[in-house]
Amino acid sequence: MEFARRAFRDLSHSAWTLLAAFLVVLAGAELTLAVADSRTGRFIALGAVALTVSLTTSYVAVRRLRGKSVRGGPATGAILTIVALLLVLLLVAGSFLRGPS
């Protein structure tokens, strides 16, 4: 039973780390697009915040994957992941609404 629990925990932390890395890539790409389209200062600031939160989420996920404790526990990681996901979705939606440059 302990082996199954440990295997599930390792698999879930690996999936969380993969999601966090995907959010970092998306936030970085959206920030790059916002900088390239320099007429939207709001999106540059939002992209910078999204990238910062995504990098923090990735850091927390990697620490949890390695078995190290994180200040605030798993709730901190969950909240950071949700905030990063919402910020990246907001950036993507804004990019679609803005249309082609």
PDB file of N, CA and C in Angstrom:
ATOM      1  N   MET A   1       0.816  -1.195   0.000  1.00  0.00           N
ATOM      2  CA  MET A   1       0.000   0.000   0.000  1.00  0.00           C
ATOM      3  C   MET A   1       0.864   1.266   0.000  1.00  0.00           C
ATOM      4  N   GLU A   2       1.944   1.218   0.757  1.00  0.00           N
ATOM      5  CA  GLU A   2       2.831   2.382   0.821  1.00  0.00           C
ATOM      6  C   GLU A   2       3.497   2.642  -0.524  1.00  0.00           C
ATOM      7  N   PHE A   3       3.851   1.563  -1.242  1.00  0.00           N
ATOM      8  CA  PHE A   3       4.465   1.722  -2.555  1.00  0.00           C
ATOM      9  C   PHE A   3       3.496   2.396  -3.527  1.00  0.00           C
ATOM     10  N   ALA A   4       2.241   2.001  -3.509  1.00  0.00           N
ATOM     11  CA  ALA A   4       1.242   2.594  -4.409  1.00  0.00           C
ATOM     12  C   ALA A   4       1.028   4.066  -4.079  1.00  0.00           C
ATOM     13  N   ARG A   5       1.003   4.391  -2.808  1.00  0.00           N
ATOM     14  CA  ARG A   5       0.826   5.781  -2.396  1.00  0.00           C
ATOM     15  C   ARG A   5       2.020   6.641  -2.823  1.00  0.00           C
ATOM     16  N   ARG A   6       3.220   6.105  -2.655  1.00  0.00           N
ATOM     17  CA  ARG A   6       4.414   6.838  -3.044  1.00  0.00           C
ATOM     18  C   ARG A   6       4.497   6.993  -4.565  1.00  0.00           C
ATOM     19  N   ALA A   7       4.109   5.942  -5.297  1.00  0.00           N
ATOM     20  CA  ALA A   7       4.115   6.011  -6.762  1.00  0.00           C
ATOM     21  C   ALA A   7       3.091   7.037  -7.261  1.00  0.00           C
ATOM     22  N   PHE A   8       1.910   7.060  -6.647  1.00  0.00           N
ATOM     23  CA  PHE A   8       0.895   8.044  -7.038  1.00  0.00           C
ATOM     24  C   PHE A   8       1.361   9.463  -6.725  1.00  0.00           C
ATOM     25  N   ARG A   9       1.995   9.649  -5.578  1.00  0.00           N
ATOM     26  CA  ARG A   9       2.505  10.968  -5.205  1.00  0.00           C
ATOM     27  C   ARG A   9       3.583  11.427  -6.182  1.00  0.00           C
ATOM     28  N   ASP A  10       4.494  10.533  -6.541  1.00  0.00           N
ATOM     29  CA  ASP A  10       5.547  10.894  -7.495  1.00  0.00           C
ATOM     30  C   ASP A  10       4.969  11.207  -8.864  1.00  0.00           C
ATOM     31  N   LEU A  11       3.970  10.442  -9.294  1.00  0.00           N
ATOM     32  CA  LEU A  11       3.337  10.690 -10.588  1.00  0.00           C
ATOM     33  C   LEU A  11       2.583  12.015 -10.591  1.00  0.00           C
ATOM     34  N   SER A  12       1.882  12.301  -9.504  1.00  0.00           N
ATOM     35  CA  SER A  12       1.134  13.566  -9.450  1.00  0.00           C
ATOM     36  C   SER A  12       2.073  14.766  -9.369  1.00  0.00           C
ATOM     37  N   HIS A  13       3.171  14.653  -8.649  1.00  0.00           N
ATOM     38  CA  HIS A  13       4.138  15.751  -8.596  1.00  0.00           C
ATOM     39  C   HIS A  13       4.826  15.944  -9.952  1.00  0.00           C
ATOM     40  N   SER A  14       5.058  14.851 -10.662  1.00  0.00           N
ATOM     41  CA  SER A  14       5.650  14.963 -12.000  1.00  0.00           C
ATOM     42  C   SER A  14       4.687  15.656 -12.963  1.00  0.00           C
ATOM     43  N   ALA A  15       3.406  15.305 -12.890  1.00  0.00           N
ATOM     44  CA  ALA A  15       2.408  15.957 -13.742  1.00  0.00           C
ATOM     45  C   ALA A  15       2.284  17.436 -13.394  1.00  0.00           C
ATOM     46  N   TRP A  16       2.342  17.751 -12.109  1.00  0.00           N
ATOM     47  CA  TRP A  16       2.269  19.149 -11.672  1.00  0.00           C
ATOM     48  C   TRP A  16       3.475  19.939 -12.194  1.00  0.00           C
ATOM     49  N   THR A  17       4.655  19.323 -12.140  1.00  0.00           N
ATOM     50  CA  THR A  17       5.861  19.977 -12.641  1.00  0.00           C
ATOM     51  C   THR A  17       5.773  20.201 -14.147  1.00  0.00           C
ATOM     52  N   LEU A  18       5.228  19.231 -14.864  1.00  0.00           N
ATOM     53  CA  LEU A  18       5.049  19.382 -16.310  1.00  0.00           C
ATOM     54  C   LEU A  18       4.063  20.503 -16.631  1.00  0.00           C
ATOM     55  N   LEU A  19       2.955  20.583 -15.882  1.00  0.00           N
ATOM     56  CA  LEU A  19       1.992  21.667 -16.071  1.00  0.00           C
ATOM     57  C   LEU A  19       2.637  23.016 -15.768  1.00  0.00           C
ATOM     58  N   ALA A  20       3.422  23.087 -14.712  1.00  0.00           N
ATOM     59  CA  ALA A  20       4.084  24.350 -14.360  1.00  0.00           C
ATOM     60  C   ALA A  20       5.075  24.770 -15.439  1.00  0.00           C
ATOM     61  N   ALA A  21       5.799  23.815 -16.000  1.00  0.00           N
ATOM     62  CA  ALA A  21       6.738  24.142 -17.079  1.00  0.00           C
ATOM     63  C   ALA A  21       5.990  24.616 -18.319  1.00  0.00           C
ATOM     64  N   PHE A  22       4.843  24.002 -18.612  1.00  0.00           N
ATOM     65  CA  PHE A  22       4.024  24.423 -19.748  1.00  0.00           C
ATOM     66  C   PHE A  22       3.516  25.848 -19.538  1.00  0.00           C
ATOM     67  N   LEU A  23       3.124  26.171 -18.309  1.00  0.00           N
ATOM     68  CA  LEU A  23       2.661  27.531 -18.014  1.00  0.00           C
ATOM     69  C   LEU A  23       3.804  28.546 -18.174  1.00  0.00           C
ATOM     70  N   VAL A  24       5.012  28.167 -17.799  1.00  0.00           N
ATOM     71  CA  VAL A  24       6.162  29.064 -17.963  1.00  0.00           C
ATOM     72  C   VAL A  24       6.401  29.338 -19.443  1.00  0.00           C
ATOM     73  N   VAL A  25       6.326  28.291 -20.261  1.00  0.00           N
ATOM     74  CA  VAL A  25       6.545  28.469 -21.698  1.00  0.00           C
ATOM     75  C   VAL A  25       5.463  29.356 -22.299  1.00  0.00           C
ATOM     76  N   LEU A  26       4.194  29.107 -21.946  1.00  0.00           N
ATOM     77  CA  LEU A  26       3.106  29.936 -22.468  1.00  0.00           C
ATOM     78  C   LEU A  26       3.226  31.385 -22.010  1.00  0.00           C
ATOM     79  N   ALA A  27       3.537  31.594 -20.748  1.00  0.00           N
ATOM     80  CA  ALA A  27       3.664  32.958 -20.242  1.00  0.00           C
ATOM     81  C   ALA A  27       4.837  33.672 -20.907  1.00  0.00           C
ATOM     82  N   GLY A  28       5.928  32.970 -21.104  1.00  0.00           N
ATOM     83  CA  GLY A  28       7.076  33.567 -21.784  1.00  0.00           C
ATOM     84  C   GLY A  28       6.768  33.916 -23.229  1.00  0.00           C
ATOM     85  N   ALA A  29       6.044  33.039 -23.907  1.00  0.00           N
ATOM     86  CA  ALA A  29       5.672  33.314 -25.297  1.00  0.00           C
ATOM     87  C   ALA A  29       4.724  34.502 -25.384  1.00  0.00           C
ATOM     88  N   GLU A  30       3.762  34.575 -24.477  1.00  0.00           N
ATOM     89  CA  GLU A  30       2.820  35.694 -24.483  1.00  0.00           C
ATOM     90  C   GLU A  30       3.514  37.006 -24.130  1.00  0.00           C
ATOM     91  N   LEU A  31       4.482  36.948 -23.216  1.00  0.00           N
ATOM     92  CA  LEU A  31       5.243  38.156 -22.887  1.00  0.00           C
ATOM     93  C   LEU A  31       6.051  38.613 -24.097  1.00  0.00           C
ATOM     94  N   THR A  32       6.650  37.667 -24.803  1.00  0.00           N
ATOM     95  CA  THR A  32       7.406  38.010 -26.006  1.00  0.00           C
ATOM     96  C   THR A  32       6.507  38.632 -27.063  1.00  0.00           C
ATOM     97  N   LEU A  33       5.319  38.075 -27.254  1.00  0.00           N
ATOM     98  CA  LEU A  33       4.373  38.646 -28.218  1.00  0.00           C
ATOM     99  C   LEU A  33       3.913  40.031 -27.789  1.00  0.00           C
ATOM    100  N   ALA A  34       3.715  40.220 -26.494  1.00  0.00           N
ATOM    101  CA  ALA A  34       3.285  41.532 -26.006  1.00  0.00           C
ATOM    102  C   ALA A  34       4.379  42.576 -26.198  1.00  0.00           C
ATOM    103  N   VAL A  35       5.624  42.185 -26.000  1.00  0.00           N
ATOM    104  CA  VAL A  35       6.726  43.118 -26.195  1.00  0.00           C
ATOM    105  C   VAL A  35       6.888  43.433 -27.684  1.00  0.00           C
ATOM    106  N   ALA A  36       6.704  42.425 -28.528  1.00  0.00           N
ATOM    107  CA  ALA A  36       6.819  42.644 -29.972  1.00  0.00           C
ATOM    108  C   ALA A  36       5.734  43.595 -30.473  1.00  0.00           C
ATOM    109  N   ASP A  37       4.539  43.502 -29.867  1.00  0.00           N
ATOM    110  CA  ASP A  37       3.444  44.409 -30.209  1.00  0.00           C
ATOM    111  C   ASP A  37       3.431  45.497 -29.141  1.00  0.00           C
ATOM    112  N   SER A  38       4.340  46.453 -29.260  1.00  0.00           N
ATOM    113  CA  SER A  38       4.627  47.383 -28.167  1.00  0.00           C
ATOM    114  C   SER A  38       3.519  48.393 -27.874  1.00  0.00           C
ATOM    115  N   ARG A  39       2.433  48.377 -28.613  1.00  0.00           N
ATOM    116  CA  ARG A  39       1.369  49.352 -28.338  1.00  0.00           C
ATOM    117  C   ARG A  39       0.488  48.945 -27.160  1.00  0.00           C
ATOM    118  N   THR A  40       0.717  47.787 -26.575  1.00  0.00           N
ATOM    119  CA  THR A  40      -0.113  47.304 -25.472  1.00  0.00           C
ATOM    120  C   THR A  40       0.717  47.165 -24.204  1.00  0.00           C
ATOM    121  N   GLY A  41       0.846  48.233 -23.472  1.00  0.00           N
ATOM    122  CA  GLY A  41       1.614  48.209 -22.232  1.00  0.00           C
ATOM    123  C   GLY A  41       0.978  47.350 -21.158  1.00  0.00           C
ATOM    124  N   ARG A  42      -0.347  47.272 -21.172  1.00  0.00           N
ATOM    125  CA  ARG A  42      -1.049  46.440 -20.187  1.00  0.00           C
ATOM    126  C   ARG A  42      -0.642  44.983 -20.321  1.00  0.00           C
ATOM    127  N   PHE A  43      -0.554  44.521 -21.563  1.00  0.00           N
ATOM    128  CA  PHE A  43      -0.230  43.116 -21.776  1.00  0.00           C
ATOM    129  C   PHE A  43       1.229  42.812 -21.443  1.00  0.00           C
ATOM    130  N   ILE A  44       2.099  43.789 -21.586  1.00  0.00           N
ATOM    131  CA  ILE A  44       3.490  43.585 -21.186  1.00  0.00           C
ATOM    132  C   ILE A  44       3.567  43.399 -19.671  1.00  0.00           C
ATOM    133  N   ALA A  45       2.876  44.250 -18.935  1.00  0.00           N
ATOM    134  CA  ALA A  45       2.869  44.134 -17.471  1.00  0.00           C
ATOM    135  C   ALA A  45       2.204  42.832 -17.026  1.00  0.00           C
ATOM    136  N   LEU A  46       1.085  42.486 -17.656  1.00  0.00           N
ATOM    137  CA  LEU A  46       0.384  41.245 -17.310  1.00  0.00           C
ATOM    138  C   LEU A  46       1.242  40.034 -17.669  1.00  0.00           C
ATOM    139  N   GLY A  47       1.946  40.110 -18.784  1.00  0.00           N
ATOM    140  CA  GLY A  47       2.831  39.012 -19.170  1.00  0.00           C
ATOM    141  C   GLY A  47       3.986  38.846 -18.205  1.00  0.00           C
ATOM    142  N   ALA A  48       4.525  39.954 -17.719  1.00  0.00           N
ATOM    143  CA  ALA A  48       5.617  39.876 -16.748  1.00  0.00           C
ATOM    144  C   ALA A  48       5.145  39.263 -15.432  1.00  0.00           C
ATOM    145  N   VAL A  49       3.965  39.654 -14.993  1.00  0.00           N
ATOM    146  CA  VAL A  49       3.412  39.084 -13.756  1.00  0.00           C
ATOM    147  C   VAL A  49       3.118  37.600 -13.948  1.00  0.00           C
ATOM    148  N   ALA A  50       2.530  37.242 -15.093  1.00  0.00           N
ATOM    149  CA  ALA A  50       2.223  35.832 -15.363  1.00  0.00           C
ATOM    150  C   ALA A  50       3.492  34.991 -15.420  1.00  0.00           C
ATOM    151  N   LEU A  51       4.543  35.518 -16.026  1.00  0.00           N
ATOM    152  CA  LEU A  51       5.804  34.782 -16.086  1.00  0.00           C
ATOM    153  C   LEU A  51       6.412  34.616 -14.696  1.00  0.00           C
ATOM    154  N   THR A  52       6.343  35.645 -13.883  1.00  0.00           N
ATOM    155  CA  THR A  52       6.878  35.560 -12.521  1.00  0.00           C
ATOM    156  C   THR A  52       6.125  34.527 -11.692  1.00  0.00           C
ATOM    157  N   VAL A  53       4.798  34.558 -11.763  1.00  0.00           N
ATOM    158  CA  VAL A  53       3.992  33.593 -10.999  1.00  0.00           C
ATOM    159  C   VAL A  53       4.219  32.177 -11.537  1.00  0.00           C
ATOM    160  N   SER A  54       4.345  32.039 -12.847  1.00  0.00           N
ATOM    161  CA  SER A  54       4.575  30.714 -13.429  1.00  0.00           C
ATOM    162  C   SER A  54       5.937  30.156 -13.021  1.00  0.00           C
ATOM    163  N   LEU A  55       6.962  31.016 -12.999  1.00  0.00           N
ATOM    164  CA  LEU A  55       8.283  30.557 -12.555  1.00  0.00           C
ATOM    165  C   LEU A  55       8.266  30.155 -11.080  1.00  0.00           C
ATOM    166  N   THR A  56       7.529  30.891 -10.272  1.00  0.00           N
ATOM    167  CA  THR A  56       7.410  30.540  -8.857  1.00  0.00           C
ATOM    168  C   THR A  56       6.670  29.220  -8.694  1.00  0.00           C
ATOM    169  N   THR A  57       5.630  29.025  -9.491  1.00  0.00           N
ATOM    170  CA  THR A  57       4.888  27.762  -9.463  1.00  0.00           C
ATOM    171  C   THR A  57       5.804  26.599  -9.844  1.00  0.00           C
ATOM    172  N   SER A  58       6.613  26.797 -10.853  1.00  0.00           N
ATOM    173  CA  SER A  58       7.538  25.754 -11.281  1.00  0.00           C
ATOM    174  C   SER A  58       8.557  25.438 -10.186  1.00  0.00           C
ATOM    175  N   TYR A  59       9.052  26.473  -9.519  1.00  0.00           N
ATOM    176  CA  TYR A  59      10.004  26.278  -8.426  1.00  0.00           C
ATOM    177  C   TYR A  59       9.383  25.456  -7.294  1.00  0.00           C
ATOM    178  N   VAL A  60       8.154  25.802  -6.925  1.00  0.00           N
ATOM    179  CA  VAL A  60       7.472  25.075  -5.851  1.00  0.00           C
ATOM    180  C   VAL A  60       7.215  23.631  -6.266  1.00  0.00           C
ATOM    181  N   ALA A  61       6.807  23.422  -7.512  1.00  0.00           N
ATOM    182  CA  ALA A  61       6.527  22.065  -7.985  1.00  0.00           C
ATOM    183  C   ALA A  61       7.790  21.205  -7.994  1.00  0.00           C
ATOM    184  N   VAL A  62       8.906  21.765  -8.398  1.00  0.00           N
ATOM    185  CA  VAL A  62      10.158  21.004  -8.422  1.00  0.00           C
ATOM    186  C   VAL A  62      10.606  20.684  -7.002  1.00  0.00           C
ATOM    187  N   ARG A  63      10.456  21.617  -6.089  1.00  0.00           N
ATOM    188  CA  ARG A  63      10.831  21.339  -4.691  1.00  0.00           C
ATOM    189  C   ARG A  63       9.972  20.226  -4.104  1.00  0.00           C
ATOM    190  N   ARG A  64       8.676  20.247  -4.420  1.00  0.00           N
ATOM    191  CA  ARG A  64       7.797  19.188  -3.919  1.00  0.00           C
ATOM    192  C   ARG A  64       8.137  17.853  -4.575  1.00  0.00           C
ATOM    193  N   LEU A  65       8.526  17.885  -5.838  1.00  0.00           N
ATOM    194  CA  LEU A  65       8.908  16.656  -6.539  1.00  0.00           C
ATOM    195  C   LEU A  65      10.140  16.033  -5.901  1.00  0.00           C
ATOM    196  N   ARG A  66      11.063  16.857  -5.448  1.00  0.00           N
ATOM    197  CA  ARG A  66      12.276  16.363  -4.793  1.00  0.00           C
ATOM    198  C   ARG A  66      12.045  15.982  -3.342  1.00  0.00           C
ATOM    199  N   GLY A  67      10.838  16.211  -2.834  1.00  0.00           N
ATOM    200  CA  GLY A  67      10.512  15.824  -1.464  1.00  0.00           C
ATOM    201  C   GLY A  67      10.864  16.863  -0.425  1.00  0.00           C
ATOM    202  N   LYS A  68      11.197  18.062  -0.850  1.00  0.00           N
ATOM    203  CA  LYS A  68      11.538  19.118   0.099  1.00  0.00           C
ATOM    204  C   LYS A  68      10.280  19.890   0.461  1.00  0.00           C
ATOM    205  N   SER A  69      10.272  20.427   1.668  1.00  0.00           N
ATOM    206  CA  SER A  69       9.095  21.159   2.127  1.00  0.00           C
ATOM    207  C   SER A  69       9.056  22.551   1.509  1.00  0.00           C
ATOM    208  N   VAL A  70       7.859  23.075   1.444  1.00  0.00           N
ATOM    209  CA  VAL A  70       7.614  24.404   0.899  1.00  0.00           C
ATOM    210  C   VAL A  70       6.857  25.189   1.949  1.00  0.00           C
ATOM    211  N   ARG A  71       7.221  26.447   2.131  1.00  0.00           N
ATOM    212  CA  ARG A  71       6.529  27.265   3.112  1.00  0.00           C
ATOM    213  C   ARG A  71       5.056  27.389   2.703  1.00  0.00           C
ATOM    214  N   GLY A  72       4.166  27.051   3.589  1.00  0.00           N
ATOM    215  CA  GLY A  72       2.738  27.105   3.302  1.00  0.00           C
ATOM    216  C   GLY A  72       2.158  25.769   2.899  1.00  0.00           C
ATOM    217  N   GLY A  73       2.996  24.793   2.625  1.00  0.00           N
ATOM    218  CA  GLY A  73       2.523  23.464   2.289  1.00  0.00           C
ATOM    219  C   GLY A  73       1.940  23.357   0.891  1.00  0.00           C
ATOM    220  N   PRO A  74       1.200  22.291   0.659  1.00  0.00           N
ATOM    221  CA  PRO A  74       0.631  22.059  -0.669  1.00  0.00           C
ATOM    222  C   PRO A  74      -0.383  23.122  -1.093  1.00  0.00           C
ATOM    223  N   ALA A  75      -0.994  23.778  -0.145  1.00  0.00           N
ATOM    224  CA  ALA A  75      -1.975  24.812  -0.489  1.00  0.00           C
ATOM    225  C   ALA A  75      -1.315  25.971  -1.231  1.00  0.00           C
ATOM    226  N   THR A  76      -0.091  26.308  -0.865  1.00  0.00           N
ATOM    227  CA  THR A  76       0.633  27.371  -1.555  1.00  0.00           C
ATOM    228  C   THR A  76       0.842  27.017  -3.022  1.00  0.00           C
ATOM    229  N   GLY A  77       1.257  25.795  -3.271  1.00  0.00           N
ATOM    230  CA  GLY A  77       1.456  25.356  -4.640  1.00  0.00           C
ATOM    231  C   GLY A  77       0.170  25.332  -5.439  1.00  0.00           C
ATOM    232  N   ALA A  78      -0.916  24.902  -4.805  1.00  0.00           N
ATOM    233  CA  ALA A  78      -2.201  24.861  -5.503  1.00  0.00           C
ATOM    234  C   ALA A  78      -2.686  26.259  -5.857  1.00  0.00           C
ATOM    235  N   ILE A  79      -2.555  27.182  -4.928  1.00  0.00           N
ATOM    236  CA  ILE A  79      -2.991  28.564  -5.183  1.00  0.00           C
ATOM    237  C   ILE A  79      -2.126  29.203  -6.269  1.00  0.00           C
ATOM    238  N   LEU A  80      -0.814  28.998  -6.208  1.00  0.00           N
ATOM    239  CA  LEU A  80       0.070  29.544  -7.238  1.00  0.00           C
ATOM    240  C   LEU A  80      -0.247  28.976  -8.614  1.00  0.00           C
ATOM    241  N   THR A  81      -0.535  27.682  -8.671  1.00  0.00           N
ATOM    242  CA  THR A  81      -0.862  27.059  -9.946  1.00  0.00           C
ATOM    243  C   THR A  81      -2.157  27.618 -10.518  1.00  0.00           C
ATOM    244  N   ILE A  82      -3.161  27.783  -9.687  1.00  0.00           N
ATOM    245  CA  ILE A  82      -4.444  28.330 -10.146  1.00  0.00           C
ATOM    246  C   ILE A  82      -4.275  29.764 -10.626  1.00  0.00           C
ATOM    247  N   VAL A  83      -3.538  30.577  -9.883  1.00  0.00           N
ATOM    248  CA  VAL A  83      -3.316  31.975 -10.282  1.00  0.00           C
ATOM    249  C   VAL A  83      -2.532  32.042 -11.583  1.00  0.00           C
ATOM    250  N   ALA A  84      -1.491  31.214 -11.720  1.00  0.00           N
ATOM    251  CA  ALA A  84      -0.704  31.202 -12.960  1.00  0.00           C
ATOM    252  C   ALA A  84      -1.560  30.768 -14.139  1.00  0.00           C
ATOM    253  N   LEU A  85      -2.394  29.762 -13.939  1.00  0.00           N
ATOM    254  CA  LEU A  85      -3.271  29.296 -15.008  1.00  0.00           C
ATOM    255  C   LEU A  85      -4.252  30.381 -15.430  1.00  0.00           C
ATOM    256  N   LEU A  86      -4.842  31.070 -14.464  1.00  0.00           N
ATOM    257  CA  LEU A  86      -5.788  32.141 -14.795  1.00  0.00           C
ATOM    258  C   LEU A  86      -5.099  33.307 -15.509  1.00  0.00           C
ATOM    259  N   LEU A  87      -3.901  33.670 -15.064  1.00  0.00           N
ATOM    260  CA  LEU A  87      -3.176  34.758 -15.723  1.00  0.00           C
ATOM    261  C   LEU A  87      -2.794  34.399 -17.158  1.00  0.00           C
ATOM    262  N   VAL A  88      -2.350  33.178 -17.372  1.00  0.00           N
ATOM    263  CA  VAL A  88      -1.979  32.760 -18.720  1.00  0.00           C
ATOM    264  C   VAL A  88      -3.219  32.686 -19.608  1.00  0.00           C
ATOM    265  N   LEU A  89      -4.331  32.184 -19.068  1.00  0.00           N
ATOM    266  CA  LEU A  89      -5.571  32.163 -19.855  1.00  0.00           C
ATOM    267  C   LEU A  89      -6.031  33.571 -20.193  1.00  0.00           C
ATOM    268  N   LEU A  90      -5.873  34.502 -19.275  1.00  0.00           N
ATOM    269  CA  LEU A  90      -6.223  35.895 -19.544  1.00  0.00           C
ATOM    270  C   LEU A  90      -5.331  36.472 -20.646  1.00  0.00           C
ATOM    271  N   LEU A  91      -4.055  36.162 -20.613  1.00  0.00           N
ATOM    272  CA  LEU A  91      -3.144  36.620 -21.661  1.00  0.00           C
ATOM    273  C   LEU A  91      -3.496  36.029 -23.021  1.00  0.00           C
ATOM    274  N   VAL A  92      -3.801  34.745 -23.040  1.00  0.00           N
ATOM    275  CA  VAL A  92      -4.155  34.090 -24.308  1.00  0.00           C
ATOM    276  C   VAL A  92      -5.455  34.668 -24.863  1.00  0.00           C
ATOM    277  N   ALA A  93      -6.441  34.871 -23.991  1.00  0.00           N
ATOM    278  CA  ALA A  93      -7.701  35.458 -24.436  1.00  0.00           C
ATOM    279  C   ALA A  93      -7.485  36.879 -24.957  1.00  0.00           C
ATOM    280  N   GLY A  94      -6.668  37.648 -24.281  1.00  0.00           N
ATOM    281  CA  GLY A  94      -6.360  39.000 -24.742  1.00  0.00           C
ATOM    282  C   GLY A  94      -5.629  38.989 -26.076  1.00  0.00           C
ATOM    283  N   SER A  95      -4.770  37.997 -26.263  1.00  0.00           N
ATOM    284  CA  SER A  95      -4.054  37.884 -27.523  1.00  0.00           C
ATOM    285  C   SER A  95      -5.009  37.549 -28.658  1.00  0.00           C
ATOM    286  N   PHE A  96      -5.976  36.684 -28.407  1.00  0.00           N
ATOM    287  CA  PHE A  96      -6.965  36.355 -29.438  1.00  0.00           C
ATOM    288  C   PHE A  96      -7.875  37.555 -29.735  1.00  0.00           C
ATOM    289  N   LEU A  97      -8.263  38.289 -28.699  1.00  0.00           N
ATOM    290  CA  LEU A  97      -9.143  39.428 -28.897  1.00  0.00           C
ATOM    291  C   LEU A  97      -8.429  40.575 -29.596  1.00  0.00           C
ATOM    292  N   ARG A  98      -7.133  40.700 -29.381  1.00  0.00           N
ATOM    293  CA  ARG A  98      -6.353  41.746 -30.015  1.00  0.00           C
ATOM    294  C   ARG A  98      -6.235  41.530 -31.509  1.00  0.00           C
ATOM    295  N   GLY A  99      -6.226  40.268 -31.919  1.00  0.00           N
ATOM    296  CA  GLY A  99      -6.136  39.958 -33.334  1.00  0.00           C
ATOM    297  C   GLY A  99      -4.722  40.044 -33.851  1.00  0.00           C
ATOM    298  N   PRO A 100      -4.551  39.856 -35.152  1.00  0.00           N
ATOM    299  CA  PRO A 100      -3.192  39.884 -35.720  1.00  0.00           C
ATOM    300  C   PRO A 100      -2.626  41.305 -35.706  1.00  0.00           C
ATOM    301  N   SER A 101      -1.332  41.386 -35.590  1.00  0.00           N
ATOM    302  CA  SER A 101      -0.649  42.683 -35.523  1.00  0.00           C
ATOM    303  C   SER A 101      -0.596  43.362 -36.867  1.00  0.00           C
TER     304      SER A 101
END
